[in-house]
């Protein structure tokens, strides 16, 4: 999203009006981000108890080694 914004800004510096392009690009970026978060909240679950691995609404940078709910290790899951 930031790259598209910078591309649009460079076109504005040349005298073109691309504000609609920037709003559309930002909207598409936000929709993609929201879709990814919704998918993570619904699909990223413990295979043993079904609890969400997004404990407390945090977005993990990597999968945890243990389930935050049941405490079972997730390292040996396929």
PDB file of N, CA and C in Angstrom:
ATOM      1  N   UNK A   1       0.836  -1.177   0.000  1.00  0.00           N
ATOM      2  CA  UNK A   1       0.000   0.000   0.000  1.00  0.00           C
ATOM      3  C   UNK A   1       0.882   1.242   0.000  1.00  0.00           C
ATOM      4  N   UNK A   2       1.963   1.203   0.753  1.00  0.00           N
ATOM      5  CA  UNK A   2       2.851   2.359   0.814  1.00  0.00           C
ATOM      6  C   UNK A   2       3.535   2.601  -0.533  1.00  0.00           C
ATOM      7  N   UNK A   3       3.889   1.520  -1.221  1.00  0.00           N
ATOM      8  CA  UNK A   3       4.539   1.662  -2.533  1.00  0.00           C
ATOM      9  C   UNK A   3       3.583   2.299  -3.527  1.00  0.00           C
ATOM     10  N   UNK A   4       2.333   1.848  -3.520  1.00  0.00           N
ATOM     11  CA  UNK A   4       1.338   2.424  -4.435  1.00  0.00           C
ATOM     12  C   UNK A   4       1.117   3.902  -4.102  1.00  0.00           C
ATOM     13  N   UNK A   5       1.096   4.210  -2.809  1.00  0.00           N
ATOM     14  CA  UNK A   5       0.937   5.608  -2.410  1.00  0.00           C
ATOM     15  C   UNK A   5       2.095   6.461  -2.928  1.00  0.00           C
ATOM     16  N   UNK A   6       3.319   5.974  -2.787  1.00  0.00           N
ATOM     17  CA  UNK A   6       4.479   6.733  -3.258  1.00  0.00           C
ATOM     18  C   UNK A   6       4.478   6.889  -4.776  1.00  0.00           C
ATOM     19  N   UNK A   7       4.042   5.861  -5.495  1.00  0.00           N
ATOM     20  CA  UNK A   7       3.940   5.968  -6.956  1.00  0.00           C
ATOM     21  C   UNK A   7       2.928   7.050  -7.324  1.00  0.00           C
ATOM     22  N   UNK A   8       1.785   7.035  -6.643  1.00  0.00           N
ATOM     23  CA  UNK A   8       0.773   8.054  -6.905  1.00  0.00           C
ATOM     24  C   UNK A   8       1.259   9.449  -6.580  1.00  0.00           C
ATOM     25  N   UNK A   9       1.993   9.592  -5.492  1.00  0.00           N
ATOM     26  CA  UNK A   9       2.539  10.904  -5.128  1.00  0.00           C
ATOM     27  C   UNK A   9       3.546  11.390  -6.166  1.00  0.00           C
ATOM     28  N   UNK A  10       4.338  10.478  -6.728  1.00  0.00           N
ATOM     29  CA  UNK A  10       5.302  10.903  -7.745  1.00  0.00           C
ATOM     30  C   UNK A  10       4.578  11.404  -8.992  1.00  0.00           C
ATOM     31  N   UNK A  11       3.420  10.822  -9.316  1.00  0.00           N
ATOM     32  CA  UNK A  11       2.637  11.324 -10.447  1.00  0.00           C
ATOM     33  C   UNK A  11       2.040  12.688 -10.135  1.00  0.00           C
ATOM     34  N   UNK A  12       1.679  12.926  -8.880  1.00  0.00           N
ATOM     35  CA  UNK A  12       1.137  14.232  -8.508  1.00  0.00           C
ATOM     36  C   UNK A  12       2.195  15.310  -8.645  1.00  0.00           C
ATOM     37  N   UNK A  13       3.432  14.975  -8.338  1.00  0.00           N
ATOM     38  CA  UNK A  13       4.498  15.968  -8.465  1.00  0.00           C
ATOM     39  C   UNK A  13       4.692  16.382  -9.906  1.00  0.00           C
ATOM     40  N   UNK A  14       4.301  15.542 -10.827  1.00  0.00           N
ATOM     41  CA  UNK A  14       4.408  15.888 -12.253  1.00  0.00           C
ATOM     42  C   UNK A  14       3.208  16.686 -12.732  1.00  0.00           C
ATOM     43  N   UNK A  15       2.267  16.975 -11.854  1.00  0.00           N
ATOM     44  CA  UNK A  15       1.133  17.802 -12.225  1.00  0.00           C
ATOM     45  C   UNK A  15      -0.133  17.023 -12.526  1.00  0.00           C
ATOM     46  N   UNK A  16      -0.121  15.718 -12.413  1.00  0.00           N
ATOM     47  CA  UNK A  16      -1.313  14.905 -12.655  1.00  0.00           C
ATOM     48  C   UNK A  16      -2.132  14.791 -11.376  1.00  0.00           C
ATOM     49  N   UNK A  17      -3.437  14.690 -11.529  1.00  0.00           N
ATOM     50  CA  UNK A  17      -4.308  14.515 -10.377  1.00  0.00           C
ATOM     51  C   UNK A  17      -4.671  13.040 -10.271  1.00  0.00           C
ATOM     52  N   UNK A  18      -4.119  12.377  -9.288  1.00  0.00           N
ATOM     53  CA  UNK A  18      -4.368  10.948  -9.124  1.00  0.00           C
ATOM     54  C   UNK A  18      -4.940  10.637  -7.739  1.00  0.00           C
ATOM     55  N   UNK A  19      -5.634  11.577  -7.148  1.00  0.00           N
ATOM     56  CA  UNK A  19      -6.153  11.349  -5.806  1.00  0.00           C
ATOM     57  C   UNK A  19      -7.162  10.202  -5.783  1.00  0.00           C
ATOM     58  N   UNK A  20      -7.960  10.057  -6.834  1.00  0.00           N
ATOM     59  CA  UNK A  20      -8.911   8.944  -6.902  1.00  0.00           C
ATOM     60  C   UNK A  20      -8.153   7.617  -6.948  1.00  0.00           C
ATOM     61  N   UNK A  21      -7.067   7.569  -7.712  1.00  0.00           N
ATOM     62  CA  UNK A  21      -6.238   6.372  -7.780  1.00  0.00           C
ATOM     63  C   UNK A  21      -5.697   6.020  -6.400  1.00  0.00           C
ATOM     64  N   UNK A  22      -5.249   7.021  -5.658  1.00  0.00           N
ATOM     65  CA  UNK A  22      -4.703   6.766  -4.326  1.00  0.00           C
ATOM     66  C   UNK A  22      -5.765   6.240  -3.372  1.00  0.00           C
ATOM     67  N   UNK A  23      -6.969   6.807  -3.423  1.00  0.00           N
ATOM     68  CA  UNK A  23      -8.041   6.338  -2.550  1.00  0.00           C
ATOM     69  C   UNK A  23      -8.452   4.908  -2.893  1.00  0.00           C
ATOM     70  N   UNK A  24      -8.520   4.591  -4.170  1.00  0.00           N
ATOM     71  CA  UNK A  24      -8.878   3.229  -4.590  1.00  0.00           C
ATOM     72  C   UNK A  24      -7.789   2.255  -4.163  1.00  0.00           C
ATOM     73  N   UNK A  25      -6.526   2.610  -4.382  1.00  0.00           N
ATOM     74  CA  UNK A  25      -5.422   1.741  -3.993  1.00  0.00           C
ATOM     75  C   UNK A  25      -5.388   1.536  -2.474  1.00  0.00           C
ATOM     76  N   UNK A  26      -5.627   2.588  -1.718  1.00  0.00           N
ATOM     77  CA  UNK A  26      -5.654   2.471  -0.257  1.00  0.00           C
ATOM     78  C   UNK A  26      -6.819   1.590   0.189  1.00  0.00           C
ATOM     79  N   UNK A  27      -7.963   1.735  -0.450  1.00  0.00           N
ATOM     80  CA  UNK A  27      -9.120   0.903  -0.121  1.00  0.00           C
ATOM     81  C   UNK A  27      -8.871  -0.569  -0.407  1.00  0.00           C
ATOM     82  N   UNK A  28      -8.253  -0.845  -1.545  1.00  0.00           N
ATOM     83  CA  UNK A  28      -7.934  -2.236  -1.882  1.00  0.00           C
ATOM     84  C   UNK A  28      -6.937  -2.803  -0.875  1.00  0.00           C
ATOM     85  N   UNK A  29      -5.951  -2.019  -0.501  1.00  0.00           N
ATOM     86  CA  UNK A  29      -4.975  -2.467   0.495  1.00  0.00           C
ATOM     87  C   UNK A  29      -5.613  -2.763   1.843  1.00  0.00           C
ATOM     88  N   UNK A  30      -6.529  -1.909   2.255  1.00  0.00           N
ATOM     89  CA  UNK A  30      -7.217  -2.119   3.529  1.00  0.00           C
ATOM     90  C   UNK A  30      -8.095  -3.360   3.471  1.00  0.00           C
ATOM     91  N   UNK A  31      -8.770  -3.585   2.352  1.00  0.00           N
ATOM     92  CA  UNK A  31      -9.595  -4.786   2.200  1.00  0.00           C
ATOM     93  C   UNK A  31      -8.753  -6.054   2.242  1.00  0.00           C
ATOM     94  N   UNK A  32      -7.600  -6.032   1.598  1.00  0.00           N
ATOM     95  CA  UNK A  32      -6.715  -7.201   1.619  1.00  0.00           C
ATOM     96  C   UNK A  32      -6.206  -7.457   3.038  1.00  0.00           C
ATOM     97  N   UNK A  33      -5.821  -6.400   3.736  1.00  0.00           N
ATOM     98  CA  UNK A  33      -5.342  -6.546   5.101  1.00  0.00           C
ATOM     99  C   UNK A  33      -6.451  -7.080   6.014  1.00  0.00           C
ATOM    100  N   UNK A  34      -7.654  -6.549   5.893  1.00  0.00           N
ATOM    101  CA  UNK A  34      -8.770  -7.001   6.715  1.00  0.00           C
ATOM    102  C   UNK A  34      -9.115  -8.459   6.409  1.00  0.00           C
ATOM    103  N   UNK A  35      -9.065  -8.828   5.142  1.00  0.00           N
ATOM    104  CA  UNK A  35      -9.325 -10.218   4.773  1.00  0.00           C
ATOM    105  C   UNK A  35      -8.296 -11.162   5.369  1.00  0.00           C
ATOM    106  N   UNK A  36      -7.046 -10.755   5.380  1.00  0.00           N
ATOM    107  CA  UNK A  36      -6.008 -11.581   5.982  1.00  0.00           C
ATOM    108  C   UNK A  36      -6.198 -11.740   7.480  1.00  0.00           C
ATOM    109  N   UNK A  37      -6.569 -10.649   8.155  1.00  0.00           N
ATOM    110  CA  UNK A  37      -6.809 -10.730   9.597  1.00  0.00           C
ATOM    111  C   UNK A  37      -8.012 -11.609   9.921  1.00  0.00           C
ATOM    112  N   UNK A  38      -9.085 -11.469   9.153  1.00  0.00           N
ATOM    113  CA  UNK A  38     -10.265 -12.302   9.386  1.00  0.00           C
ATOM    114  C   UNK A  38      -9.960 -13.772   9.143  1.00  0.00           C
ATOM    115  N   UNK A  39      -9.171 -14.054   8.116  1.00  0.00           N
ATOM    116  CA  UNK A  39      -8.780 -15.432   7.842  1.00  0.00           C
ATOM    117  C   UNK A  39      -7.933 -15.979   8.981  1.00  0.00           C
ATOM    118  N   UNK A  40      -6.995 -15.175   9.476  1.00  0.00           N
ATOM    119  CA  UNK A  40      -6.137 -15.618  10.577  1.00  0.00           C
ATOM    120  C   UNK A  40      -6.961 -15.884  11.836  1.00  0.00           C
ATOM    121  N   UNK A  41      -7.911 -15.013  12.148  1.00  0.00           N
ATOM    122  CA  UNK A  41      -8.734 -15.218  13.335  1.00  0.00           C
ATOM    123  C   UNK A  41      -9.610 -16.458  13.217  1.00  0.00           C
ATOM    124  N   UNK A  42     -10.057 -16.783  12.009  1.00  0.00           N
ATOM    125  CA  UNK A  42     -10.952 -17.927  11.865  1.00  0.00           C
ATOM    126  C   UNK A  42     -10.226 -19.242  11.614  1.00  0.00           C
ATOM    127  N   UNK A  43      -9.059 -19.230  10.994  1.00  0.00           N
ATOM    128  CA  UNK A  43      -8.382 -20.472  10.606  1.00  0.00           C
ATOM    129  C   UNK A  43      -7.175 -20.831  11.465  1.00  0.00           C
ATOM    130  N   UNK A  44      -6.553 -19.879  12.141  1.00  0.00           N
ATOM    131  CA  UNK A  44      -5.344 -20.123  12.908  1.00  0.00           C
ATOM    132  C   UNK A  44      -5.740 -20.615  14.294  1.00  0.00           C
ATOM    133  N   UNK A  45      -5.941 -21.938  14.400  1.00  0.00           N
ATOM    134  CA  UNK A  45      -6.458 -22.542  15.626  1.00  0.00           C
ATOM    135  C   UNK A  45      -5.610 -23.729  16.050  1.00  0.00           C
ATOM    136  N   UNK A  46      -5.689 -24.055  17.332  1.00  0.00           N
ATOM    137  CA  UNK A  46      -4.988 -25.211  17.890  1.00  0.00           C
ATOM    138  C   UNK A  46      -5.625 -26.482  17.334  1.00  0.00           C
ATOM    139  N   UNK A  47      -4.828 -27.437  16.856  1.00  0.00           N
ATOM    140  CA  UNK A  47      -5.410 -28.674  16.325  1.00  0.00           C
ATOM    141  C   UNK A  47      -5.979 -29.580  17.414  1.00  0.00           C
ATOM    142  N   UNK A  48      -5.640 -29.340  18.678  1.00  0.00           N
ATOM    143  CA  UNK A  48      -6.117 -30.190  19.770  1.00  0.00           C
ATOM    144  C   UNK A  48      -7.407 -29.689  20.379  1.00  0.00           C
ATOM    145  N   UNK A  49      -7.444 -28.407  20.762  1.00  0.00           N
ATOM    146  CA  UNK A  49      -8.625 -27.895  21.467  1.00  0.00           C
ATOM    147  C   UNK A  49      -9.445 -26.913  20.633  1.00  0.00           C
ATOM    148  N   UNK A  50      -8.900 -26.434  19.521  1.00  0.00           N
ATOM    149  CA  UNK A  50      -9.631 -25.523  18.659  1.00  0.00           C
ATOM    150  C   UNK A  50      -9.579 -24.064  19.086  1.00  0.00           C
ATOM    151  N   UNK A  51      -8.773 -23.760  20.107  1.00  0.00           N
ATOM    152  CA  UNK A  51      -8.659 -22.371  20.569  1.00  0.00           C
ATOM    153  C   UNK A  51      -7.879 -21.548  19.549  1.00  0.00           C
ATOM    154  N   UNK A  52      -8.187 -20.269  19.494  1.00  0.00           N
ATOM    155  CA  UNK A  52      -7.499 -19.379  18.576  1.00  0.00           C
ATOM    156  C   UNK A  52      -6.055 -19.183  19.016  1.00  0.00           C
ATOM    157  N   UNK A  53      -5.137 -19.214  18.057  1.00  0.00           N
ATOM    158  CA  UNK A  53      -3.732 -18.967  18.349  1.00  0.00           C
ATOM    159  C   UNK A  53      -3.406 -17.479  18.321  1.00  0.00           C
ATOM    160  N   UNK A  54      -4.414 -16.659  18.105  1.00  0.00           N
ATOM    161  CA  UNK A  54      -4.251 -15.210  18.110  1.00  0.00           C
ATOM    162  C   UNK A  54      -4.699 -14.711  19.483  1.00  0.00           C
ATOM    163  N   UNK A  55      -4.030 -15.168  20.524  1.00  0.00           N
ATOM    164  CA  UNK A  55      -4.416 -14.894  21.909  1.00  0.00           C
ATOM    165  C   UNK A  55      -4.475 -13.398  22.187  1.00  0.00           C
ATOM    166  N   UNK A  56      -5.580 -12.954  22.716  1.00  0.00           N
ATOM    167  CA  UNK A  56      -5.731 -11.554  23.088  1.00  0.00           C
ATOM    168  C   UNK A  56      -5.807 -10.610  21.897  1.00  0.00           C
ATOM    169  N   UNK A  57      -6.066 -11.135  20.718  1.00  0.00           N
ATOM    170  CA  UNK A  57      -6.161 -10.301  19.533  1.00  0.00           C
ATOM    171  C   UNK A  57      -4.824  -9.915  18.940  1.00  0.00           C
ATOM    172  N   UNK A  58      -3.742 -10.499  19.441  1.00  0.00           N
ATOM    173  CA  UNK A  58      -2.416 -10.165  18.899  1.00  0.00           C
ATOM    174  C   UNK A  58      -2.204 -10.855  17.565  1.00  0.00           C
ATOM    175  N   UNK A  59      -1.418 -10.250  16.731  1.00  0.00           N
ATOM    176  CA  UNK A  59      -1.052 -10.834  15.446  1.00  0.00           C
ATOM    177  C   UNK A  59       0.346 -11.415  15.610  1.00  0.00           C
ATOM    178  N   UNK A  60       0.462 -12.750  15.669  1.00  0.00           N
ATOM    179  CA  UNK A  60       1.784 -13.337  15.902  1.00  0.00           C
ATOM    180  C   UNK A  60       2.695 -13.167  14.692  1.00  0.00           C
ATOM    181  N   UNK A  61       3.959 -12.872  14.978  1.00  0.00           N
ATOM    182  CA  UNK A  61       4.934 -12.794  13.891  1.00  0.00           C
ATOM    183  C   UNK A  61       5.348 -14.182  13.449  1.00  0.00           C
ATOM    184  N   UNK A  62       5.190 -15.154  14.329  1.00  0.00           N
ATOM    185  CA  UNK A  62       5.405 -16.556  13.994  1.00  0.00           C
ATOM    186  C   UNK A  62       4.454 -17.378  14.854  1.00  0.00           C
ATOM    187  N   UNK A  63       4.238 -18.615  14.469  1.00  0.00           N
ATOM    188  CA  UNK A  63       3.330 -19.455  15.237  1.00  0.00           C
ATOM    189  C   UNK A  63       3.927 -19.748  16.607  1.00  0.00           C
ATOM    190  N   UNK A  64       3.103 -19.749  17.642  1.00  0.00           N
ATOM    191  CA  UNK A  64       3.625 -20.068  18.974  1.00  0.00           C
ATOM    192  C   UNK A  64       3.996 -21.545  19.062  1.00  0.00           C
ATOM    193  N   UNK A  65       4.840 -21.875  20.016  1.00  0.00           N
ATOM    194  CA  UNK A  65       5.250 -23.264  20.210  1.00  0.00           C
ATOM    195  C   UNK A  65       4.248 -24.041  21.051  1.00  0.00           C
ATOM    196  N   UNK A  66       3.443 -23.325  21.843  1.00  0.00           N
ATOM    197  CA  UNK A  66       2.448 -23.950  22.700  1.00  0.00           C
ATOM    198  C   UNK A  66       1.106 -23.262  22.499  1.00  0.00           C
ATOM    199  N   UNK A  67       0.043 -24.022  22.662  1.00  0.00           N
ATOM    200  CA  UNK A  67      -1.305 -23.445  22.598  1.00  0.00           C
ATOM    201  C   UNK A  67      -1.513 -22.571  23.830  1.00  0.00           C
ATOM    202  N   UNK A  68      -2.005 -21.336  23.669  1.00  0.00           N
ATOM    203  CA  UNK A  68      -2.227 -20.475  24.832  1.00  0.00           C
ATOM    204  C   UNK A  68      -3.380 -20.954  25.710  1.00  0.00           C
ATOM    205  N   UNK A  69      -4.226 -21.852  25.204  1.00  0.00           N
ATOM    206  CA  UNK A  69      -5.384 -22.306  25.964  1.00  0.00           C
ATOM    207  C   UNK A  69      -5.120 -23.639  26.673  1.00  0.00           C
ATOM    208  N   UNK A  70      -4.740 -24.675  25.900  1.00  0.00           N
ATOM    209  CA  UNK A  70      -4.557 -25.995  26.509  1.00  0.00           C
ATOM    210  C   UNK A  70      -3.100 -26.291  26.876  1.00  0.00           C
ATOM    211  N   UNK A  71      -2.140 -25.541  26.345  1.00  0.00           N
ATOM    212  CA  UNK A  71      -0.744 -25.707  26.706  1.00  0.00           C
ATOM    213  C   UNK A  71      -0.003 -26.803  25.974  1.00  0.00           C
ATOM    214  N   UNK A  72      -0.674 -27.513  25.065  1.00  0.00           N
ATOM    215  CA  UNK A  72       0.000 -28.588  24.334  1.00  0.00           C
ATOM    216  C   UNK A  72       0.957 -27.996  23.315  1.00  0.00           C
ATOM    217  N   UNK A  73       2.047 -28.717  23.067  1.00  0.00           N
ATOM    218  CA  UNK A  73       3.042 -28.252  22.127  1.00  0.00           C
ATOM    219  C   UNK A  73       2.512 -28.343  20.692  1.00  0.00           C
ATOM    220  N   UNK A  74       2.859 -27.359  19.902  1.00  0.00           N
ATOM    221  CA  UNK A  74       2.425 -27.320  18.506  1.00  0.00           C
ATOM    222  C   UNK A  74       3.572 -27.638  17.546  1.00  0.00           C
ATOM    223  N   UNK A  75       4.753 -27.916  18.086  1.00  0.00           N
ATOM    224  CA  UNK A  75       5.924 -28.169  17.246  1.00  0.00           C
ATOM    225  C   UNK A  75       5.821 -29.468  16.475  1.00  0.00           C
ATOM    226  N   UNK A  76       5.200 -30.501  17.061  1.00  0.00           N
ATOM    227  CA  UNK A  76       5.152 -31.802  16.389  1.00  0.00           C
ATOM    228  C   UNK A  76       3.861 -32.022  15.591  1.00  0.00           C
ATOM    229  N   UNK A  77       3.101 -30.959  15.339  1.00  0.00           N
ATOM    230  CA  UNK A  77       1.886 -31.057  14.519  1.00  0.00           C
ATOM    231  C   UNK A  77       2.265 -30.961  13.054  1.00  0.00           C
ATOM    232  N   UNK A  78       1.604 -31.723  12.239  1.00  0.00           N
ATOM    233  CA  UNK A  78       1.846 -31.655  10.785  1.00  0.00           C
ATOM    234  C   UNK A  78       0.816 -30.819  10.108  1.00  0.00           C
TER     235      UNK A  78
END
